[in-house]
């Protein structure tokens, strides 16, 4: 199974469309948005040829984001969990927790609890991946913003469950 992971698209339709195009070209089965769409119009392009899951970001001020996601995908509220079939007969299901990441304490607790194979989050606009005690934290990145530590370009990530750990994650820079 291949996943697309994205966060912090902040109503930038060019970024959203480039993301959908990349994920479709990579034949992802499922896309997870870690929050901060901002408005419903920037949700609808994700109604594409993949399963879709999303959590609420701190800038998702329009509550219609929830009903828009639910019209074609699954909205998990503040946090969600997914159990993924790895499409490999000798591998256990992959357990994932998803939050926006506004609270670093919550992200660290999810990584540290040893219940999940992966913890996806955004918020910082800085892509990264790290393994800690059997759990991999994945931040796909986001649009560049003028904050120390944020990326200078838009990034998303893909995860292939045929692999495991950090080797399963690839970050992609999108020029938008």
N, C-alpha and C. Protein backbone atom coordinates (compact mmCIF):
# COMPACT_ATOMS: atom_id res chain seq x y z
N UNK A 1 0.84 -1.18 0.00
CA UNK A 1 0.00 0.00 0.00
C UNK A 1 0.89 1.24 0.00
N UNK A 2 0.48 2.21 -0.78
CA UNK A 2 1.21 3.49 -0.82
C UNK A 2 0.32 4.59 -0.27
N UNK A 3 0.90 5.41 0.59
CA UNK A 3 0.18 6.54 1.18
C UNK A 3 0.81 7.84 0.72
N UNK A 4 -0.04 8.85 0.59
CA UNK A 4 0.42 10.22 0.41
C UNK A 4 0.15 10.96 1.70
N UNK A 5 1.11 11.78 2.13
CA UNK A 5 0.97 12.52 3.38
C UNK A 5 1.22 13.99 3.07
N UNK A 6 0.29 14.85 3.48
CA UNK A 6 0.38 16.28 3.19
C UNK A 6 -0.14 17.05 4.38
N UNK A 7 0.30 18.28 4.52
CA UNK A 7 -0.18 19.14 5.59
C UNK A 7 0.00 20.60 5.18
N UNK A 8 -0.73 21.46 5.86
CA UNK A 8 -0.51 22.90 5.78
C UNK A 8 -0.53 23.43 4.35
N UNK A 9 -1.63 23.14 3.63
CA UNK A 9 -1.78 23.64 2.27
C UNK A 9 -2.39 25.04 2.23
N UNK A 10 -3.00 25.49 3.30
CA UNK A 10 -3.43 26.88 3.49
C UNK A 10 -4.06 27.54 2.27
N UNK A 11 -5.06 26.88 1.68
CA UNK A 11 -5.83 27.46 0.57
C UNK A 11 -5.02 27.73 -0.70
N UNK A 12 -3.84 27.18 -0.81
CA UNK A 12 -3.02 27.37 -2.01
C UNK A 12 -3.40 26.30 -3.03
N UNK A 13 -4.28 26.65 -3.96
CA UNK A 13 -4.79 25.67 -4.92
C UNK A 13 -3.69 25.11 -5.82
N UNK A 14 -2.69 25.91 -6.15
CA UNK A 14 -1.58 25.39 -6.96
C UNK A 14 -0.85 24.28 -6.20
N UNK A 15 -0.64 24.47 -4.91
CA UNK A 15 0.02 23.45 -4.09
C UNK A 15 -0.86 22.20 -3.96
N UNK A 16 -2.16 22.41 -3.76
CA UNK A 16 -3.08 21.28 -3.65
C UNK A 16 -3.11 20.49 -4.95
N UNK A 17 -3.24 21.16 -6.07
CA UNK A 17 -3.30 20.47 -7.36
C UNK A 17 -1.99 19.75 -7.67
N UNK A 18 -0.85 20.36 -7.34
CA UNK A 18 0.44 19.70 -7.55
C UNK A 18 0.55 18.46 -6.66
N UNK A 19 0.01 18.54 -5.45
CA UNK A 19 0.01 17.41 -4.53
C UNK A 19 -0.83 16.26 -5.08
N UNK A 20 -2.04 16.56 -5.50
CA UNK A 20 -2.92 15.54 -6.05
C UNK A 20 -2.27 14.91 -7.28
N UNK A 21 -1.69 15.72 -8.15
CA UNK A 21 -1.02 15.20 -9.35
C UNK A 21 0.12 14.25 -8.98
N UNK A 22 0.94 14.64 -8.00
CA UNK A 22 2.05 13.78 -7.57
C UNK A 22 1.51 12.46 -7.02
N UNK A 23 0.53 12.55 -6.13
CA UNK A 23 0.00 11.33 -5.51
C UNK A 23 -0.64 10.42 -6.55
N UNK A 24 -1.35 10.99 -7.52
CA UNK A 24 -1.93 10.16 -8.57
C UNK A 24 -0.83 9.53 -9.43
N UNK A 25 0.23 10.26 -9.73
CA UNK A 25 1.32 9.71 -10.55
C UNK A 25 2.09 8.61 -9.81
N UNK A 26 2.05 8.66 -8.49
CA UNK A 26 2.70 7.63 -7.67
C UNK A 26 1.76 6.49 -7.30
N UNK A 27 0.55 6.52 -7.82
CA UNK A 27 -0.45 5.48 -7.56
C UNK A 27 -0.68 5.24 -6.07
N UNK A 28 -0.81 6.33 -5.29
CA UNK A 28 -1.09 6.14 -3.87
C UNK A 28 -2.51 5.61 -3.71
N UNK A 29 -2.68 4.80 -2.70
CA UNK A 29 -3.98 4.21 -2.39
C UNK A 29 -4.79 5.09 -1.44
N UNK A 30 -4.07 5.77 -0.55
CA UNK A 30 -4.69 6.56 0.51
C UNK A 30 -3.89 7.84 0.70
N UNK A 31 -4.60 8.94 0.94
CA UNK A 31 -3.96 10.22 1.26
C UNK A 31 -4.42 10.64 2.65
N UNK A 32 -3.46 11.12 3.44
CA UNK A 32 -3.73 11.64 4.77
C UNK A 32 -3.31 13.11 4.80
N UNK A 33 -4.26 14.00 5.12
CA UNK A 33 -3.96 15.43 5.26
C UNK A 33 -3.92 15.73 6.75
N UNK A 34 -2.81 16.27 7.21
CA UNK A 34 -2.58 16.54 8.63
C UNK A 34 -3.09 17.90 9.07
N UNK A 35 -4.01 18.48 8.34
CA UNK A 35 -4.67 19.71 8.78
C UNK A 35 -4.10 20.98 8.19
N UNK A 36 -4.89 22.03 8.37
CA UNK A 36 -4.66 23.37 7.84
C UNK A 36 -4.90 23.44 6.34
N UNK A 37 -6.12 23.01 5.95
CA UNK A 37 -6.63 23.33 4.62
C UNK A 37 -6.95 24.82 4.60
N UNK A 38 -7.65 25.27 5.60
CA UNK A 38 -8.22 26.57 5.92
C UNK A 38 -9.67 26.65 5.46
N UNK A 39 -9.97 26.55 4.17
CA UNK A 39 -11.35 26.68 3.70
C UNK A 39 -11.76 25.47 2.85
N UNK A 40 -13.06 25.22 2.77
CA UNK A 40 -13.55 24.04 2.04
C UNK A 40 -13.14 23.98 0.57
N UNK A 41 -13.01 25.13 -0.11
CA UNK A 41 -12.68 25.07 -1.54
C UNK A 41 -11.33 24.41 -1.78
N UNK A 42 -10.45 24.44 -0.79
CA UNK A 42 -9.13 23.82 -0.99
C UNK A 42 -9.12 22.35 -0.55
N UNK A 43 -10.27 21.84 -0.12
CA UNK A 43 -10.43 20.43 0.21
C UNK A 43 -10.85 19.64 -1.03
N UNK A 44 -11.75 20.21 -1.83
CA UNK A 44 -12.40 19.45 -2.91
C UNK A 44 -11.45 18.85 -3.94
N UNK A 45 -10.29 19.42 -4.27
CA UNK A 45 -9.41 18.75 -5.23
C UNK A 45 -8.91 17.38 -4.75
N UNK A 46 -8.98 17.12 -3.45
CA UNK A 46 -8.56 15.82 -2.93
C UNK A 46 -9.60 14.72 -3.18
N UNK A 47 -10.74 15.09 -3.76
CA UNK A 47 -11.74 14.10 -4.15
C UNK A 47 -11.24 13.47 -5.46
N UNK A 48 -10.32 12.53 -5.32
CA UNK A 48 -9.61 11.95 -6.46
C UNK A 48 -9.63 10.42 -6.34
N UNK A 49 -8.77 9.78 -7.07
CA UNK A 49 -8.77 8.32 -7.15
C UNK A 49 -7.94 7.69 -6.03
N UNK A 50 -8.23 8.05 -4.79
CA UNK A 50 -7.60 7.45 -3.61
C UNK A 50 -8.52 7.67 -2.41
N UNK A 51 -8.35 6.83 -1.40
CA UNK A 51 -9.08 7.05 -0.14
C UNK A 51 -8.49 8.30 0.52
N UNK A 52 -9.31 9.02 1.26
CA UNK A 52 -8.85 10.29 1.83
C UNK A 52 -9.23 10.39 3.30
N UNK A 53 -8.25 10.80 4.12
CA UNK A 53 -8.44 11.00 5.56
C UNK A 53 -7.85 12.36 5.92
N UNK A 54 -8.45 13.02 6.90
CA UNK A 54 -7.94 14.33 7.32
C UNK A 54 -8.24 14.58 8.79
N UNK A 55 -7.37 15.39 9.41
CA UNK A 55 -7.61 15.91 10.76
C UNK A 55 -7.68 17.43 10.69
N UNK A 56 -8.17 18.00 11.76
CA UNK A 56 -8.35 19.45 11.83
C UNK A 56 -7.05 20.13 12.22
N UNK A 57 -6.72 21.21 11.52
CA UNK A 57 -5.57 22.04 11.87
C UNK A 57 -6.00 23.28 12.61
N UNK A 58 -5.05 23.97 13.20
CA UNK A 58 -5.38 25.16 13.99
C UNK A 58 -5.87 26.33 13.14
N UNK A 59 -5.68 26.28 11.82
CA UNK A 59 -6.19 27.34 10.94
C UNK A 59 -7.44 26.93 10.17
N UNK A 60 -7.97 25.77 10.46
CA UNK A 60 -9.18 25.31 9.78
C UNK A 60 -10.39 25.91 10.49
N UNK A 61 -10.58 27.20 10.25
CA UNK A 61 -11.62 27.95 10.96
C UNK A 61 -13.02 27.73 10.44
N UNK A 62 -13.15 27.29 9.21
CA UNK A 62 -14.48 27.05 8.66
C UNK A 62 -14.89 25.62 8.96
N UNK A 63 -15.93 25.46 9.75
CA UNK A 63 -16.37 24.13 10.14
C UNK A 63 -16.91 23.34 8.97
N UNK A 64 -17.18 23.99 7.84
CA UNK A 64 -17.62 23.27 6.65
C UNK A 64 -16.50 22.40 6.07
N UNK A 65 -15.28 22.58 6.52
CA UNK A 65 -14.19 21.69 6.11
C UNK A 65 -14.56 20.25 6.45
N UNK A 66 -15.11 20.04 7.65
CA UNK A 66 -15.50 18.69 8.07
C UNK A 66 -16.49 18.05 7.11
N UNK A 67 -17.59 18.74 6.82
CA UNK A 67 -18.60 18.16 5.94
C UNK A 67 -18.08 18.00 4.52
N UNK A 68 -17.19 18.86 4.08
CA UNK A 68 -16.62 18.73 2.74
C UNK A 68 -15.75 17.48 2.66
N UNK A 69 -14.88 17.27 3.65
CA UNK A 69 -14.06 16.05 3.67
C UNK A 69 -14.97 14.83 3.74
N UNK A 70 -15.96 14.85 4.64
CA UNK A 70 -16.84 13.70 4.82
C UNK A 70 -17.67 13.38 3.57
N UNK A 71 -17.81 14.34 2.65
CA UNK A 71 -18.58 14.08 1.44
C UNK A 71 -17.89 13.07 0.51
N UNK A 72 -16.57 12.87 0.69
CA UNK A 72 -15.85 11.90 -0.14
C UNK A 72 -14.76 11.14 0.61
N UNK A 73 -14.49 11.52 1.85
CA UNK A 73 -13.43 10.88 2.62
C UNK A 73 -13.84 10.73 4.06
N UNK A 74 -12.87 10.73 4.95
CA UNK A 74 -13.16 10.59 6.39
C UNK A 74 -12.45 11.68 7.17
N UNK A 75 -13.23 12.46 7.89
CA UNK A 75 -12.71 13.52 8.75
C UNK A 75 -12.62 12.96 10.16
N UNK A 76 -11.44 13.04 10.77
CA UNK A 76 -11.20 12.44 12.08
C UNK A 76 -11.25 13.43 13.23
N UNK A 77 -11.56 14.68 12.98
CA UNK A 77 -11.56 15.67 14.05
C UNK A 77 -10.14 16.06 14.43
N UNK A 78 -9.90 16.23 15.72
CA UNK A 78 -8.59 16.69 16.19
C UNK A 78 -7.47 15.67 16.02
N UNK A 79 -7.84 14.39 16.02
CA UNK A 79 -6.84 13.32 15.90
C UNK A 79 -7.52 12.08 15.36
N UNK A 80 -6.74 11.24 14.72
CA UNK A 80 -7.29 10.01 14.19
C UNK A 80 -6.27 8.89 14.20
N UNK A 81 -6.78 7.68 14.04
CA UNK A 81 -5.91 6.53 13.90
C UNK A 81 -6.35 5.74 12.68
N UNK A 82 -5.38 5.11 12.04
CA UNK A 82 -5.63 4.28 10.87
C UNK A 82 -4.90 2.95 11.05
N UNK A 83 -5.53 1.89 10.63
CA UNK A 83 -4.88 0.60 10.55
C UNK A 83 -4.80 0.24 9.08
N UNK A 84 -3.57 0.11 8.58
CA UNK A 84 -3.34 -0.08 7.15
C UNK A 84 -2.88 -1.49 6.85
N UNK A 85 -3.41 -2.04 5.79
CA UNK A 85 -2.99 -3.35 5.30
C UNK A 85 -1.71 -3.16 4.51
N UNK A 86 -0.62 -3.82 4.90
CA UNK A 86 0.66 -3.59 4.24
C UNK A 86 0.78 -4.24 2.86
N UNK A 87 -0.25 -4.97 2.40
CA UNK A 87 -0.19 -5.67 1.11
C UNK A 87 1.00 -6.61 1.01
N UNK A 88 1.36 -7.17 2.13
CA UNK A 88 2.48 -8.12 2.15
C UNK A 88 2.08 -9.24 3.10
N UNK A 89 2.09 -10.49 2.64
CA UNK A 89 1.53 -11.58 3.46
C UNK A 89 2.25 -11.83 4.79
N UNK A 90 3.49 -11.44 4.92
CA UNK A 90 4.24 -11.71 6.15
C UNK A 90 4.36 -10.51 7.07
N UNK A 91 3.62 -9.44 6.79
CA UNK A 91 3.71 -8.24 7.61
C UNK A 91 2.41 -7.99 8.36
N UNK A 92 2.56 -7.51 9.57
CA UNK A 92 1.42 -7.12 10.39
C UNK A 92 0.81 -5.83 9.84
N UNK A 93 -0.45 -5.54 10.17
CA UNK A 93 -1.02 -4.25 9.79
C UNK A 93 -0.19 -3.10 10.35
N UNK A 94 -0.22 -1.99 9.65
CA UNK A 94 0.54 -0.80 10.04
C UNK A 94 -0.41 0.13 10.80
N UNK A 95 -0.01 0.49 12.02
CA UNK A 95 -0.82 1.37 12.88
C UNK A 95 -0.29 2.80 12.78
N UNK A 96 -1.20 3.75 12.51
CA UNK A 96 -0.83 5.14 12.32
C UNK A 96 -1.69 6.04 13.19
N UNK A 97 -1.07 7.03 13.83
CA UNK A 97 -1.79 8.10 14.51
C UNK A 97 -1.57 9.38 13.71
N UNK A 98 -2.60 10.22 13.64
CA UNK A 98 -2.52 11.47 12.88
C UNK A 98 -3.04 12.61 13.73
N UNK A 99 -2.25 13.66 13.85
CA UNK A 99 -2.65 14.91 14.51
C UNK A 99 -2.09 16.06 13.69
N UNK A 100 -2.61 17.26 13.94
CA UNK A 100 -2.02 18.40 13.24
C UNK A 100 -0.63 18.68 13.77
N UNK A 101 -0.47 18.64 15.06
CA UNK A 101 0.86 18.84 15.64
C UNK A 101 1.04 20.15 16.36
N UNK A 102 -0.06 20.85 16.63
CA UNK A 102 0.03 22.13 17.33
C UNK A 102 0.74 21.97 18.67
N UNK A 103 0.52 20.84 19.32
CA UNK A 103 1.18 20.56 20.60
C UNK A 103 2.30 19.55 20.40
N UNK A 104 3.53 19.99 20.57
CA UNK A 104 4.67 19.09 20.50
C UNK A 104 4.62 18.02 21.58
N UNK A 105 4.02 18.35 22.73
CA UNK A 105 3.89 17.39 23.82
C UNK A 105 3.01 16.22 23.38
N UNK A 106 1.92 16.51 22.67
CA UNK A 106 1.03 15.46 22.19
C UNK A 106 1.74 14.61 21.14
N UNK A 107 2.44 15.24 20.21
CA UNK A 107 3.18 14.47 19.19
C UNK A 107 4.20 13.57 19.88
N UNK A 108 4.97 14.11 20.82
CA UNK A 108 5.97 13.30 21.53
C UNK A 108 5.32 12.15 22.30
N UNK A 109 4.16 12.41 22.90
CA UNK A 109 3.47 11.35 23.65
C UNK A 109 2.99 10.24 22.71
N UNK A 110 2.48 10.60 21.55
CA UNK A 110 2.05 9.60 20.59
C UNK A 110 3.23 8.77 20.09
N UNK A 111 4.34 9.42 19.82
CA UNK A 111 5.54 8.69 19.39
C UNK A 111 6.04 7.80 20.53
N UNK A 112 6.05 8.32 21.74
CA UNK A 112 6.61 7.61 22.88
C UNK A 112 5.75 6.50 23.45
N UNK A 113 4.47 6.45 23.11
CA UNK A 113 3.58 5.47 23.74
C UNK A 113 3.75 4.06 23.18
N UNK A 114 4.45 3.91 22.09
CA UNK A 114 4.75 2.60 21.48
C UNK A 114 3.50 1.86 20.97
N UNK A 115 2.42 2.57 20.72
CA UNK A 115 1.20 1.97 20.18
C UNK A 115 1.14 2.03 18.66
N UNK A 116 1.96 2.90 18.06
CA UNK A 116 1.85 3.17 16.63
C UNK A 116 3.17 2.92 15.92
N UNK A 117 3.04 2.46 14.67
CA UNK A 117 4.23 2.32 13.83
C UNK A 117 4.67 3.69 13.31
N UNK A 118 3.68 4.55 13.01
CA UNK A 118 3.94 5.88 12.47
C UNK A 118 3.05 6.90 13.17
N UNK A 119 3.58 8.09 13.35
CA UNK A 119 2.81 9.25 13.81
C UNK A 119 3.01 10.33 12.75
N UNK A 120 1.90 10.74 12.12
CA UNK A 120 1.94 11.80 11.11
C UNK A 120 1.48 13.10 11.74
N UNK A 121 2.19 14.17 11.44
CA UNK A 121 1.77 15.50 11.90
C UNK A 121 2.35 16.57 10.99
N UNK A 122 1.80 17.75 11.08
CA UNK A 122 2.28 18.90 10.32
C UNK A 122 2.58 20.04 11.26
N UNK A 123 2.00 21.20 10.97
CA UNK A 123 2.03 22.42 11.77
C UNK A 123 3.32 23.22 11.66
N UNK A 124 4.47 22.58 11.68
CA UNK A 124 5.73 23.33 11.73
C UNK A 124 6.19 23.80 10.35
N UNK A 125 5.60 23.29 9.29
CA UNK A 125 6.00 23.60 7.91
C UNK A 125 7.44 23.20 7.64
N UNK A 126 7.92 22.21 8.37
CA UNK A 126 9.29 21.70 8.20
C UNK A 126 9.21 20.19 8.04
N UNK A 127 9.61 19.69 6.87
CA UNK A 127 9.52 18.25 6.65
C UNK A 127 10.59 17.54 7.46
N UNK A 128 10.26 16.32 7.85
CA UNK A 128 11.22 15.53 8.61
C UNK A 128 10.70 14.14 8.89
N UNK A 129 11.62 13.27 9.24
CA UNK A 129 11.28 11.90 9.61
C UNK A 129 12.31 11.45 10.63
N UNK A 130 11.85 10.79 11.68
CA UNK A 130 12.77 10.26 12.68
C UNK A 130 12.17 9.00 13.29
N UNK A 131 13.04 8.06 13.60
CA UNK A 131 12.63 6.84 14.29
C UNK A 131 13.01 6.95 15.75
N UNK A 132 12.04 6.54 16.60
CA UNK A 132 12.30 6.56 18.03
C UNK A 132 11.61 5.36 18.66
N UNK A 133 12.40 4.44 19.19
CA UNK A 133 11.86 3.28 19.91
C UNK A 133 10.77 2.55 19.14
N UNK A 134 10.99 2.32 17.84
CA UNK A 134 10.06 1.55 17.05
C UNK A 134 8.94 2.32 16.40
N UNK A 135 8.83 3.61 16.66
CA UNK A 135 7.82 4.46 16.04
C UNK A 135 8.51 5.49 15.17
N UNK A 136 7.94 5.75 13.99
CA UNK A 136 8.50 6.73 13.08
C UNK A 136 7.58 7.95 13.04
N UNK A 137 8.16 9.11 13.34
CA UNK A 137 7.44 10.38 13.27
C UNK A 137 7.66 10.96 11.88
N UNK A 138 6.57 11.32 11.20
CA UNK A 138 6.66 11.86 9.85
C UNK A 138 5.96 13.21 9.80
N UNK A 139 6.70 14.24 9.42
CA UNK A 139 6.13 15.54 9.12
C UNK A 139 6.36 15.75 7.62
N UNK A 140 5.26 15.82 6.83
CA UNK A 140 5.46 15.96 5.40
C UNK A 140 6.00 17.33 4.99
N UNK A 141 5.88 18.31 5.87
CA UNK A 141 6.24 19.68 5.54
C UNK A 141 4.99 20.49 5.30
N UNK A 142 5.11 21.56 4.58
CA UNK A 142 3.98 22.42 4.28
C UNK A 142 4.45 23.56 3.42
N UNK A 143 3.58 24.50 3.18
CA UNK A 143 3.98 25.67 2.40
C UNK A 143 5.06 26.44 3.15
N UNK A 144 5.98 27.06 2.43
CA UNK A 144 6.99 27.87 3.12
C UNK A 144 6.34 29.07 3.82
N UNK A 145 6.77 29.31 5.04
CA UNK A 145 6.31 30.47 5.79
C UNK A 145 7.52 31.13 6.43
N UNK A 146 7.43 32.43 6.74
CA UNK A 146 8.59 33.14 7.30
C UNK A 146 8.75 32.90 8.80
N UNK A 147 9.05 31.65 9.16
CA UNK A 147 9.24 31.26 10.56
C UNK A 147 10.54 30.48 10.62
N UNK A 148 11.35 30.73 11.64
CA UNK A 148 12.60 29.98 11.79
C UNK A 148 12.32 28.48 11.80
N UNK A 149 13.09 27.75 11.00
CA UNK A 149 12.97 26.31 10.94
C UNK A 149 12.03 25.79 9.87
N UNK A 150 11.19 26.66 9.31
CA UNK A 150 10.26 26.22 8.26
C UNK A 150 11.02 25.99 6.95
N UNK A 151 10.47 25.10 6.13
CA UNK A 151 11.07 24.83 4.82
C UNK A 151 11.00 26.06 3.93
N UNK A 152 11.92 26.11 2.96
CA UNK A 152 11.89 27.20 1.99
C UNK A 152 11.15 26.80 0.71
N UNK A 153 10.57 25.59 0.69
CA UNK A 153 9.78 25.11 -0.44
C UNK A 153 8.71 24.17 0.10
N UNK A 154 7.69 23.94 -0.71
CA UNK A 154 6.59 23.07 -0.33
C UNK A 154 7.02 21.61 -0.46
N UNK A 155 6.75 20.82 0.58
CA UNK A 155 7.06 19.40 0.59
C UNK A 155 5.84 18.58 0.97
N UNK A 156 5.77 17.36 0.44
CA UNK A 156 4.81 16.34 0.84
C UNK A 156 5.61 15.06 1.00
N UNK A 157 4.95 14.00 1.46
CA UNK A 157 5.67 12.73 1.65
C UNK A 157 4.83 11.58 1.11
N UNK A 158 5.51 10.49 0.79
CA UNK A 158 4.85 9.24 0.49
C UNK A 158 5.43 8.17 1.40
N UNK A 159 4.61 7.16 1.66
CA UNK A 159 5.03 6.04 2.50
C UNK A 159 4.59 4.77 1.78
N UNK A 160 5.50 3.83 1.64
CA UNK A 160 5.21 2.55 1.00
C UNK A 160 5.30 1.46 2.07
N UNK A 161 4.17 0.83 2.37
CA UNK A 161 4.15 -0.16 3.45
C UNK A 161 4.88 -1.45 3.08
N UNK A 162 5.36 -1.57 1.85
CA UNK A 162 6.20 -2.73 1.50
C UNK A 162 7.54 -2.63 2.21
N UNK A 163 7.93 -1.40 2.58
CA UNK A 163 9.13 -1.17 3.39
C UNK A 163 8.68 -0.89 4.81
N UNK A 164 9.64 -0.62 5.69
CA UNK A 164 9.28 -0.29 7.06
C UNK A 164 10.24 0.76 7.59
N UNK A 165 9.84 1.37 8.70
CA UNK A 165 10.68 2.38 9.34
C UNK A 165 10.87 3.60 8.46
N UNK A 166 11.98 4.31 8.67
CA UNK A 166 12.24 5.53 7.90
C UNK A 166 12.45 5.23 6.43
N UNK A 167 12.87 4.00 6.09
CA UNK A 167 13.09 3.63 4.69
C UNK A 167 11.80 3.63 3.88
N UNK A 168 10.67 3.56 4.54
CA UNK A 168 9.38 3.54 3.85
C UNK A 168 8.93 4.94 3.43
N UNK A 169 9.58 5.99 3.96
CA UNK A 169 9.14 7.37 3.77
C UNK A 169 10.04 8.09 2.78
N UNK A 170 9.39 8.78 1.82
CA UNK A 170 10.12 9.62 0.86
C UNK A 170 9.48 11.00 0.87
N UNK A 171 10.29 12.03 1.02
CA UNK A 171 9.79 13.40 0.92
C UNK A 171 9.96 13.88 -0.52
N UNK A 172 9.02 14.71 -0.96
CA UNK A 172 9.01 15.25 -2.32
C UNK A 172 8.90 16.76 -2.25
N UNK A 173 9.81 17.44 -2.92
CA UNK A 173 9.72 18.90 -3.03
C UNK A 173 8.88 19.21 -4.25
N UNK A 174 7.87 20.03 -4.07
CA UNK A 174 7.02 20.44 -5.18
C UNK A 174 7.23 21.93 -5.46
N UNK A 175 7.53 22.23 -6.68
CA UNK A 175 7.74 23.64 -7.07
C UNK A 175 6.41 24.26 -7.47
N UNK A 176 5.88 25.05 -6.57
CA UNK A 176 4.58 25.71 -6.82
C UNK A 176 4.72 27.20 -6.65
